[in-house]
Amino acid sequence: MINGIVFSKDRAAQLKLFLDSVEKNANGVFSLNVLYTYSNDEFEKGYNKLMEQFPEVKWIKEIDFREQTLAILENSIYNYTSFFTDDDIIYGRVDENEMISKLETDNDAFCFSMRLGLNTNKCYTMRCDNVIMPDYEDDKFIKWNWSVHYMDFGYPLSVDGHIFKTKEIHKLSKKVMFQNPNTFEAALQMFGNYPKKTMWSYKQSKLVNSPSNVVQSVFPNREGEFHGISAQELNDNFLSGREIKLNKIDFSNIVGCHQELELPFE
């Protein structure tokens, strides 16, 4: 299995969608740790409801984000780790052995990305196109030199669905200071000269982040321009018994690793 670390704040409804997507498309691939926090009692109720539904997940209430993140990495019994955020969705099937084999057989591999592929030709966050020039391509996988790419294909140190060697990412994480997922990812960018220059992915991406809202004030991230819905509204629906249905979401035209999707409730 792969050590999975999921960061979540005030988004039990979206986290439920992510966990449903793991069950459907990555069953048995990840040992999940959810490091969560909430703003008020209503958001806490959402997490309490999720804990009953997913007892196999290790639930960790945030006290000290940096120390707890480092502890999960240090105490992991798994050789590989992937970070996720609660608005991620694994929309295509992933195979642990396929992904790990690329990292084990390629000595220059830094990470395996579940969120990138030849289809991800739009960079949502920067409002521009992605350009990918693969060094290798077959019927299922691509690899490229991230150090000569830009935008999403030149960004290996993401906390959305990139798989790293646990010892390597733990070593890097210990060297930087951070307080939350956003400052963690930002701090990791100091390793832009990391000597391992190869990234791998499936030819078609398997994970997408749907930025429907923001729950932090650290960075003015782009969100909710087409299918925006607040964390409060999502939580109210979730507590009333209405859930976002994975099988009702349209994944037919994923063109970016961040892409707003309509999240239908039932």
C-alpha atoms as a PDB file:
ATOM      1  CA  MET A   1       0.000   0.000   0.000  1.00  0.00           C
ATOM      2  CA  ILE A   2       0.882   3.660  -0.327  1.00  0.00           C
ATOM      3  CA  ASN A   3       0.835   6.016   2.639  1.00  0.00           C
ATOM      4  CA  GLY A   4      -1.917   8.547   1.913  1.00  0.00           C
ATOM      5  CA  ILE A   5      -2.067  11.862   3.792  1.00  0.00           C
ATOM      6  CA  VAL A   6      -5.259  13.863   3.237  1.00  0.00           C
ATOM      7  CA  PHE A   7      -5.495  17.481   4.373  1.00  0.00           C
ATOM      8  CA  SER A   8      -8.996  18.710   5.196  1.00  0.00           C
ATOM      9  CA  LYS A   9     -10.673  21.772   6.681  1.00  0.00           C
ATOM     10  CA  ASP A  10     -14.433  22.408   6.876  1.00  0.00           C
ATOM     11  CA  ARG A  11     -15.123  20.136   3.921  1.00  0.00           C
ATOM     12  CA  ALA A  12     -16.642  16.891   5.132  1.00  0.00           C
ATOM     13  CA  ALA A  13     -18.963  16.775   2.117  1.00  0.00           C
ATOM     14  CA  GLN A  14     -16.128  17.075  -0.408  1.00  0.00           C
ATOM     15  CA  LEU A  15     -13.944  14.734   1.636  1.00  0.00           C
ATOM     16  CA  LYS A  16     -16.761  12.159   1.479  1.00  0.00           C
ATOM     17  CA  LEU A  17     -16.644  12.472  -2.311  1.00  0.00           C
ATOM     18  CA  PHE A  18     -12.872  11.935  -2.297  1.00  0.00           C
ATOM     19  CA  LEU A  19     -13.155   8.878  -0.047  1.00  0.00           C
ATOM     20  CA  ASP A  20     -15.903   7.474  -2.277  1.00  0.00           C
ATOM     21  CA  SER A  21     -13.622   7.962  -5.278  1.00  0.00           C
ATOM     22  CA  VAL A  22     -10.811   6.101  -3.512  1.00  0.00           C
ATOM     23  CA  GLU A  23     -13.150   3.187  -2.786  1.00  0.00           C
ATOM     24  CA  LYS A  24     -14.231   3.024  -6.416  1.00  0.00           C
ATOM     25  CA  ASN A  25     -10.990   3.698  -8.289  1.00  0.00           C
ATOM     26  CA  ALA A  26      -8.145   3.032  -5.839  1.00  0.00           C
ATOM     27  CA  ASN A  27      -9.496   0.312  -3.583  1.00  0.00           C
ATOM     28  CA  GLY A  28      -6.675  -1.173  -1.513  1.00  0.00           C
ATOM     29  CA  VAL A  29      -4.066   1.227  -2.925  1.00  0.00           C
ATOM     30  CA  PHE A  30      -3.788   3.752  -0.076  1.00  0.00           C
ATOM     31  CA  SER A  31      -3.596   3.583   3.699  1.00  0.00           C
ATOM     32  CA  LEU A  32      -5.320   6.868   4.446  1.00  0.00           C
ATOM     33  CA  ASN A  33      -4.572   9.344   7.226  1.00  0.00           C
ATOM     34  CA  VAL A  34      -6.914  12.353   7.341  1.00  0.00           C
ATOM     35  CA  LEU A  35      -5.445  15.366   9.126  1.00  0.00           C
ATOM     36  CA  TYR A  36      -8.489  17.559   9.673  1.00  0.00           C
ATOM     37  CA  THR A  37      -9.593  20.759  11.339  1.00  0.00           C
ATOM     38  CA  TYR A  38     -12.817  22.771  11.497  1.00  0.00           C
ATOM     39  CA  SER A  39     -14.044  26.277  12.173  1.00  0.00           C
ATOM     40  CA  ASN A  40     -17.137  25.556  14.279  1.00  0.00           C
ATOM     41  CA  ASP A  41     -19.359  22.867  15.775  1.00  0.00           C
ATOM     42  CA  GLU A  42     -21.372  22.378  12.588  1.00  0.00           C
ATOM     43  CA  PHE A  43     -18.282  21.536  10.566  1.00  0.00           C
ATOM     44  CA  GLU A  44     -17.162  19.225  13.374  1.00  0.00           C
ATOM     45  CA  LYS A  45     -20.472  17.359  13.073  1.00  0.00           C
ATOM     46  CA  GLY A  46     -19.671  16.711   9.441  1.00  0.00           C
ATOM     47  CA  TYR A  47     -16.397  15.029  10.354  1.00  0.00           C
ATOM     48  CA  ASN A  48     -18.033  13.023  13.126  1.00  0.00           C
ATOM     49  CA  LYS A  49     -20.515  11.704  10.577  1.00  0.00           C
ATOM     50  CA  LEU A  50     -17.672  10.748   8.227  1.00  0.00           C
ATOM     51  CA  MET A  51     -15.775   8.920  10.955  1.00  0.00           C
ATOM     52  CA  GLU A  52     -18.737   6.590  11.409  1.00  0.00           C
ATOM     53  CA  GLN A  53     -18.924   5.934   7.674  1.00  0.00           C
ATOM     54  CA  PHE A  54     -15.163   5.344   7.182  1.00  0.00           C
ATOM     55  CA  PRO A  55     -13.790   3.623  10.298  1.00  0.00           C
ATOM     56  CA  GLU A  56     -10.861   2.193   8.316  1.00  0.00           C
ATOM     57  CA  VAL A  57      -9.419   5.691   7.843  1.00  0.00           C
ATOM     58  CA  LYS A  58      -7.042   7.021  10.497  1.00  0.00           C
ATOM     59  CA  TRP A  59      -8.571  10.305  11.664  1.00  0.00           C
ATOM     60  CA  ILE A  60      -6.170  12.859  13.177  1.00  0.00           C
ATOM     61  CA  LYS A  61      -7.511  16.105  14.589  1.00  0.00           C
ATOM     62  CA  GLU A  62      -5.117  18.918  13.790  1.00  0.00           C
ATOM     63  CA  ILE A  63      -3.246  20.413  16.735  1.00  0.00           C
ATOM     64  CA  ASP A  64       0.131  21.262  15.203  1.00  0.00           C
ATOM     65  CA  PHE A  65      -0.047  20.857  11.427  1.00  0.00           C
ATOM     66  CA  ARG A  66       3.677  20.681  10.762  1.00  0.00           C
ATOM     67  CA  GLU A  67       4.544  18.326  13.606  1.00  0.00           C
ATOM     68  CA  GLN A  68       1.649  15.987  12.826  1.00  0.00           C
ATOM     69  CA  THR A  69       2.437  15.905   9.099  1.00  0.00           C
ATOM     70  CA  LEU A  70       6.070  15.070   9.842  1.00  0.00           C
ATOM     71  CA  ALA A  71       5.003  12.414  12.357  1.00  0.00           C
ATOM     72  CA  ILE A  72       2.770  10.674   9.814  1.00  0.00           C
ATOM     73  CA  LEU A  73       5.698  10.582   7.395  1.00  0.00           C
ATOM     74  CA  GLU A  74       8.208   9.435   9.999  1.00  0.00           C
ATOM     75  CA  ASN A  75       5.979   6.704  11.411  1.00  0.00           C
ATOM     76  CA  SER A  76       4.829   5.318   8.073  1.00  0.00           C
ATOM     77  CA  ILE A  77       5.592   1.661   7.399  1.00  0.00           C
ATOM     78  CA  TYR A  78       5.110   2.255   3.665  1.00  0.00           C
ATOM     79  CA  ASN A  79       7.897   3.127   1.225  1.00  0.00           C
ATOM     80  CA  TYR A  80       5.776   5.552  -0.784  1.00  0.00           C
ATOM     81  CA  THR A  81       3.591   8.498   0.190  1.00  0.00           C
ATOM     82  CA  SER A  82       1.029  10.642  -1.596  1.00  0.00           C
ATOM     83  CA  PHE A  83      -0.600  13.819  -0.310  1.00  0.00           C
ATOM     84  CA  PHE A  84      -4.180  14.780  -1.131  1.00  0.00           C
ATOM     85  CA  THR A  85      -6.540  17.652  -0.400  1.00  0.00           C
ATOM     86  CA  ASP A  86     -10.202  17.176   0.381  1.00  0.00           C
ATOM     87  CA  ASP A  87     -11.372  18.621  -2.939  1.00  0.00           C
ATOM     88  CA  ASP A  88      -9.456  16.012  -4.945  1.00  0.00           C
ATOM     89  CA  ILE A  89     -11.313  13.266  -6.839  1.00  0.00           C
ATOM     90  CA  ILE A  90      -9.751  10.078  -8.212  1.00  0.00           C
ATOM     91  CA  TYR A  91     -11.896   9.734 -11.312  1.00  0.00           C
ATOM     92  CA  GLY A  92     -10.007   6.936 -13.093  1.00  0.00           C
ATOM     93  CA  ARG A  93      -8.689   3.606 -11.880  1.00  0.00           C
ATOM     94  CA  VAL A  94      -5.131   3.528 -10.577  1.00  0.00           C
ATOM     95  CA  ASP A  95      -2.954   0.486  -9.948  1.00  0.00           C
ATOM     96  CA  GLU A  96      -0.420   0.538  -7.124  1.00  0.00           C
ATOM     97  CA  ASN A  97       2.027  -1.846  -8.776  1.00  0.00           C
ATOM     98  CA  GLU A  98       1.967   0.041 -12.077  1.00  0.00           C
ATOM     99  CA  MET A  99       2.696   3.394 -10.445  1.00  0.00           C
ATOM    100  CA  ILE A 100       5.318   2.173  -7.994  1.00  0.00           C
ATOM    101  CA  SER A 101       7.163   0.182 -10.661  1.00  0.00           C
ATOM    102  CA  LYS A 102       7.979   3.435 -12.475  1.00  0.00           C
ATOM    103  CA  LEU A 103       9.540   4.905  -9.343  1.00  0.00           C
ATOM    104  CA  GLU A 104      11.440   1.718  -8.521  1.00  0.00           C
ATOM    105  CA  THR A 105      12.919   1.101 -11.970  1.00  0.00           C
ATOM    106  CA  ASP A 106      13.781   4.704 -12.882  1.00  0.00           C
ATOM    107  CA  ASN A 107      16.595   5.978 -10.679  1.00  0.00           C
ATOM    108  CA  ASP A 108      15.982   9.546 -11.861  1.00  0.00           C
ATOM    109  CA  ALA A 109      12.265   9.515 -11.001  1.00  0.00           C
ATOM    110  CA  PHE A 110      11.194  12.144  -8.480  1.00  0.00           C
ATOM    111  CA  CYS A 111       7.478  11.370  -8.361  1.00  0.00           C
ATOM    112  CA  PHE A 112       4.503   9.791 -10.093  1.00  0.00           C
ATOM    113  CA  SER A 113       1.632  12.170 -10.794  1.00  0.00           C
ATOM    114  CA  MET A 114      -1.945  10.940 -10.801  1.00  0.00           C
ATOM    115  CA  ARG A 115      -3.222  14.397 -11.762  1.00  0.00           C
ATOM    116  CA  LEU A 116      -1.321  14.879 -15.036  1.00  0.00           C
ATOM    117  CA  GLY A 117      -1.549  13.329 -18.486  1.00  0.00           C
ATOM    118  CA  LEU A 118      -1.594  14.311 -22.136  1.00  0.00           C
ATOM    119  CA  ASN A 119      -5.188  15.479 -21.592  1.00  0.00           C
ATOM    120  CA  THR A 120      -4.229  18.129 -18.992  1.00  0.00           C
ATOM    121  CA  ASN A 121      -3.407  20.860 -21.489  1.00  0.00           C
ATOM    122  CA  LYS A 122      -4.922  23.715 -19.459  1.00  0.00           C
ATOM    123  CA  CYS A 123      -3.404  25.288 -16.341  1.00  0.00           C
ATOM    124  CA  TYR A 124      -6.394  26.534 -14.358  1.00  0.00           C
ATOM    125  CA  THR A 125      -4.414  28.312 -11.656  1.00  0.00           C
ATOM    126  CA  MET A 126      -2.396  30.423 -14.120  1.00  0.00           C
ATOM    127  CA  ARG A 127      -5.141  30.785 -16.775  1.00  0.00           C
ATOM    128  CA  CYS A 128      -2.905  29.500 -19.573  1.00  0.00           C
ATOM    129  CA  ASP A 129      -2.025  26.405 -21.591  1.00  0.00           C
ATOM    130  CA  ASN A 130       0.169  23.554 -20.449  1.00  0.00           C
ATOM    131  CA  VAL A 131       2.810  22.281 -22.860  1.00  0.00           C
ATOM    132  CA  ILE A 132       4.174  18.755 -22.453  1.00  0.00           C
ATOM    133  CA  MET A 133       7.097  17.247 -24.345  1.00  0.00           C
ATOM    134  CA  PRO A 134       7.336  13.618 -23.185  1.00  0.00           C
ATOM    135  CA  ASP A 135      10.721  11.897 -23.176  1.00  0.00           C
ATOM    136  CA  TYR A 136       8.868   8.589 -23.254  1.00  0.00           C
ATOM    137  CA  GLU A 137       5.361   7.535 -24.207  1.00  0.00           C
ATOM    138  CA  ASP A 138       3.628   4.192 -24.584  1.00  0.00           C
ATOM    139  CA  ASP A 139      -0.005   3.152 -24.647  1.00  0.00           C
ATOM    140  CA  LYS A 140      -0.435   3.820 -20.920  1.00  0.00           C
ATOM    141  CA  PHE A 141       2.303   6.053 -19.470  1.00  0.00           C
ATOM    142  CA  ILE A 142       4.387   9.146 -20.183  1.00  0.00           C
ATOM    143  CA  LYS A 143       7.505  10.539 -18.552  1.00  0.00           C
ATOM    144  CA  TRP A 144       9.195  13.920 -18.893  1.00  0.00           C
ATOM    145  CA  ASN A 145      11.959  16.124 -17.502  1.00  0.00           C
ATOM    146  CA  TRP A 146      10.104  18.479 -15.173  1.00  0.00           C
ATOM    147  CA  SER A 147      13.084  20.866 -14.914  1.00  0.00           C
ATOM    148  CA  VAL A 148      12.643  21.996 -18.530  1.00  0.00           C
ATOM    149  CA  HIS A 149       8.855  22.315 -18.330  1.00  0.00           C
ATOM    150  CA  TYR A 150       6.625  25.058 -16.989  1.00  0.00           C
ATOM    151  CA  MET A 151       3.256  25.359 -15.280  1.00  0.00           C
ATOM    152  CA  ASP A 152       1.771  22.060 -14.085  1.00  0.00           C
ATOM    153  CA  PHE A 153       4.342  19.855 -15.834  1.00  0.00           C
ATOM    154  CA  GLY A 154       7.200  21.704 -14.159  1.00  0.00           C
ATOM    155  CA  TYR A 155       5.697  21.434 -10.681  1.00  0.00           C
ATOM    156  CA  PRO A 156       6.587  18.112  -9.043  1.00  0.00           C
ATOM    157  CA  LEU A 157       6.170  19.174  -5.413  1.00  0.00           C
ATOM    158  CA  SER A 158       2.390  19.265  -5.338  1.00  0.00           C
ATOM    159  CA  VAL A 159       0.199  18.025  -2.474  1.00  0.00           C
ATOM    160  CA  ASP A 160      -2.510  16.903  -4.923  1.00  0.00           C
ATOM    161  CA  GLY A 161      -1.928  13.301  -5.921  1.00  0.00           C
ATOM    162  CA  HIS A 162       1.827  13.047  -6.457  1.00  0.00           C
ATOM    163  CA  ILE A 163       3.523   9.893  -5.153  1.00  0.00           C
ATOM    164  CA  PHE A 164       6.983  10.243  -3.591  1.00  0.00           C
ATOM    165  CA  LYS A 165       9.412   7.967  -1.856  1.00  0.00           C
ATOM    166  CA  THR A 166       8.480   8.413   1.802  1.00  0.00           C
ATOM    167  CA  LYS A 167      12.057   8.868   3.019  1.00  0.00           C
ATOM    168  CA  GLU A 168      12.784  11.482   0.365  1.00  0.00           C
ATOM    169  CA  ILE A 169       9.703  13.624   0.942  1.00  0.00           C
ATOM    170  CA  HIS A 170      10.124  13.313   4.725  1.00  0.00           C
ATOM    171  CA  LYS A 171      13.700  14.549   4.456  1.00  0.00           C
ATOM    172  CA  LEU A 172      12.633  17.548   2.371  1.00  0.00           C
ATOM    173  CA  SER A 173       9.635  18.326   4.582  1.00  0.00           C
ATOM    174  CA  LYS A 174      11.780  18.456   7.721  1.00  0.00           C
ATOM    175  CA  LYS A 175      13.893  21.206   6.186  1.00  0.00           C
ATOM    176  CA  VAL A 176      11.076  23.715   5.708  1.00  0.00           C
ATOM    177  CA  MET A 177       8.671  25.571   7.957  1.00  0.00           C
ATOM    178  CA  PHE A 178       4.915  25.549   7.306  1.00  0.00           C
ATOM    179  CA  GLN A 179       1.590  25.928   9.097  1.00  0.00           C
ATOM    180  CA  ASN A 180      -1.026  24.512   6.703  1.00  0.00           C
ATOM    181  CA  PRO A 181      -1.305  22.727   3.331  1.00  0.00           C
ATOM    182  CA  ASN A 182      -0.825  25.925   1.324  1.00  0.00           C
ATOM    183  CA  THR A 183       2.321  27.061   3.106  1.00  0.00           C
ATOM    184  CA  PHE A 184       3.589  23.463   3.061  1.00  0.00           C
ATOM    185  CA  GLU A 185       3.358  23.217  -0.716  1.00  0.00           C
ATOM    186  CA  ALA A 186       4.766  26.716  -1.137  1.00  0.00           C
ATOM    187  CA  ALA A 187       7.728  25.968   1.147  1.00  0.00           C
ATOM    188  CA  LEU A 188       8.580  22.779  -0.744  1.00  0.00           C
ATOM    189  CA  GLN A 189       9.196  24.814  -3.896  1.00  0.00           C
ATOM    190  CA  MET A 190      12.623  25.794  -2.540  1.00  0.00           C
ATOM    191  CA  PHE A 191      13.758  22.378  -3.790  1.00  0.00           C
ATOM    192  CA  GLY A 192      13.333  23.405  -7.415  1.00  0.00           C
ATOM    193  CA  ASN A 193      16.895  22.272  -8.085  1.00  0.00           C
ATOM    194  CA  TYR A 194      16.289  18.729  -6.827  1.00  0.00           C
ATOM    195  CA  PRO A 195      18.643  16.391  -8.703  1.00  0.00           C
ATOM    196  CA  LYS A 196      15.993  13.866  -9.750  1.00  0.00           C
ATOM    197  CA  LYS A 197      14.447  15.338 -12.876  1.00  0.00           C
ATOM    198  CA  THR A 198      11.932  12.761 -14.104  1.00  0.00           C
ATOM    199  CA  MET A 199       8.188  12.705 -13.533  1.00  0.00           C
ATOM    200  CA  TRP A 200       5.862   9.884 -14.593  1.00  0.00           C
ATOM    201  CA  SER A 201       2.111   9.790 -15.075  1.00  0.00           C
ATOM    202  CA  TYR A 202      -0.598   7.830 -16.776  1.00  0.00           C
ATOM    203  CA  LYS A 203      -1.207   8.936 -20.359  1.00  0.00           C
ATOM    204  CA  GLN A 204      -4.685  10.016 -19.208  1.00  0.00           C
ATOM    205  CA  SER A 205      -4.856  11.707 -15.820  1.00  0.00           C
ATOM    206  CA  LYS A 206      -6.649   9.855 -13.034  1.00  0.00           C
ATOM    207  CA  LEU A 207      -7.149  12.585 -10.424  1.00  0.00           C
ATOM    208  CA  VAL A 208      -8.670  16.041 -10.677  1.00  0.00           C
ATOM    209  CA  ASN A 209      -9.027  18.823  -8.132  1.00  0.00           C
ATOM    210  CA  SER A 210     -12.361  20.647  -8.255  1.00  0.00           C
ATOM    211  CA  PRO A 211     -11.822  24.131  -6.735  1.00  0.00           C
ATOM    212  CA  SER A 212     -15.397  24.957  -5.766  1.00  0.00           C
ATOM    213  CA  ASN A 213     -14.451  27.150  -2.805  1.00  0.00           C
ATOM    214  CA  VAL A 214     -11.598  28.193  -0.528  1.00  0.00           C
ATOM    215  CA  VAL A 215     -11.311  27.591   3.214  1.00  0.00           C
ATOM    216  CA  GLN A 216      -8.056  29.475   3.794  1.00  0.00           C
ATOM    217  CA  SER A 217      -6.952  33.107   3.592  1.00  0.00           C
ATOM    218  CA  VAL A 218      -3.234  32.549   3.010  1.00  0.00           C
ATOM    219  CA  PHE A 219      -3.288  32.616  -0.800  1.00  0.00           C
ATOM    220  CA  PRO A 220      -5.931  34.130  -3.141  1.00  0.00           C
ATOM    221  CA  ASN A 221      -6.422  30.896  -5.065  1.00  0.00           C
ATOM    222  CA  ARG A 222      -8.715  30.900  -8.073  1.00  0.00           C
ATOM    223  CA  GLU A 223     -11.984  29.108  -7.259  1.00  0.00           C
ATOM    224  CA  GLY A 224     -15.703  28.856  -7.843  1.00  0.00           C
ATOM    225  CA  GLU A 225     -15.982  30.914 -11.027  1.00  0.00           C
ATOM    226  CA  PHE A 226     -18.217  28.416 -12.842  1.00  0.00           C
ATOM    227  CA  HIS A 227     -19.526  25.938 -10.251  1.00  0.00           C
ATOM    228  CA  GLY A 228     -18.869  27.672  -6.959  1.00  0.00           C
ATOM    229  CA  ILE A 229     -20.556  26.463  -3.783  1.00  0.00           C
ATOM    230  CA  SER A 230     -19.521  27.441  -0.279  1.00  0.00           C
ATOM    231  CA  ALA A 231     -18.162  25.053   2.318  1.00  0.00           C
ATOM    232  CA  GLN A 232     -21.061  26.089   4.557  1.00  0.00           C
ATOM    233  CA  GLU A 233     -23.700  25.177   1.979  1.00  0.00           C
ATOM    234  CA  LEU A 234     -21.971  21.876   1.250  1.00  0.00           C
ATOM    235  CA  ASN A 235     -21.829  21.050   4.944  1.00  0.00           C
ATOM    236  CA  ASP A 236     -25.466  21.975   5.528  1.00  0.00           C
ATOM    237  CA  ASN A 237     -26.503  19.632   2.715  1.00  0.00           C
ATOM    238  CA  PHE A 238     -24.283  16.862   4.048  1.00  0.00           C
ATOM    239  CA  LEU A 239     -25.684  17.100   7.573  1.00  0.00           C
ATOM    240  CA  SER A 240     -29.234  17.042   6.198  1.00  0.00           C
ATOM    241  CA  GLY A 241     -28.551  13.703   4.498  1.00  0.00           C
ATOM    242  CA  ARG A 242     -27.796  14.899   0.962  1.00  0.00           C
ATOM    243  CA  GLU A 243     -24.462  13.765  -0.515  1.00  0.00           C
ATOM    244  CA  ILE A 244     -22.457  14.546  -3.650  1.00  0.00           C
ATOM    245  CA  LYS A 245     -22.818  11.545  -5.952  1.00  0.00           C
ATOM    246  CA  LEU A 246     -19.642  10.430  -7.691  1.00  0.00           C
ATOM    247  CA  ASN A 247     -21.518   8.601 -10.435  1.00  0.00           C
ATOM    248  CA  LYS A 248     -23.429  11.770 -11.363  1.00  0.00           C
ATOM    249  CA  ILE A 249     -20.339  13.894 -12.061  1.00  0.00           C
ATOM    250  CA  ASP A 250     -19.277  14.415 -15.674  1.00  0.00           C
ATOM    251  CA  PHE A 251     -15.611  13.467 -16.097  1.00  0.00           C
ATOM    252  CA  SER A 252     -15.809  13.144 -19.887  1.00  0.00           C
ATOM    253  CA  ASN A 253     -13.672  16.181 -20.675  1.00  0.00           C
ATOM    254  CA  ILE A 254     -10.972  16.643 -18.044  1.00  0.00           C
ATOM    255  CA  VAL A 255      -8.446  19.120 -19.489  1.00  0.00           C
ATOM    256  CA  GLY A 256      -6.580  20.212 -16.352  1.00  0.00           C
ATOM    257  CA  CYS A 257      -5.396  18.955 -13.007  1.00  0.00           C
ATOM    258  CA  HIS A 258      -7.596  21.710 -11.529  1.00  0.00           C
ATOM    259  CA  GLN A 259     -11.015  21.959 -13.117  1.00  0.00           C
ATOM    260  CA  GLU A 260     -14.307  23.148 -11.701  1.00  0.00           C
ATOM    261  CA  LEU A 261     -16.928  20.410 -11.824  1.00  0.00           C
ATOM    262  CA  GLU A 262     -20.597  20.564 -11.026  1.00  0.00           C
ATOM    263  CA  LEU A 263     -21.147  18.633  -7.798  1.00  0.00           C
ATOM    264  CA  PRO A 264     -24.671  17.161  -7.856  1.00  0.00           C
ATOM    265  CA  PHE A 265     -26.419  16.312  -4.584  1.00  0.00           C
ATOM    266  CA  GLU A 266     -28.886  13.506  -3.981  1.00  0.00           C
END
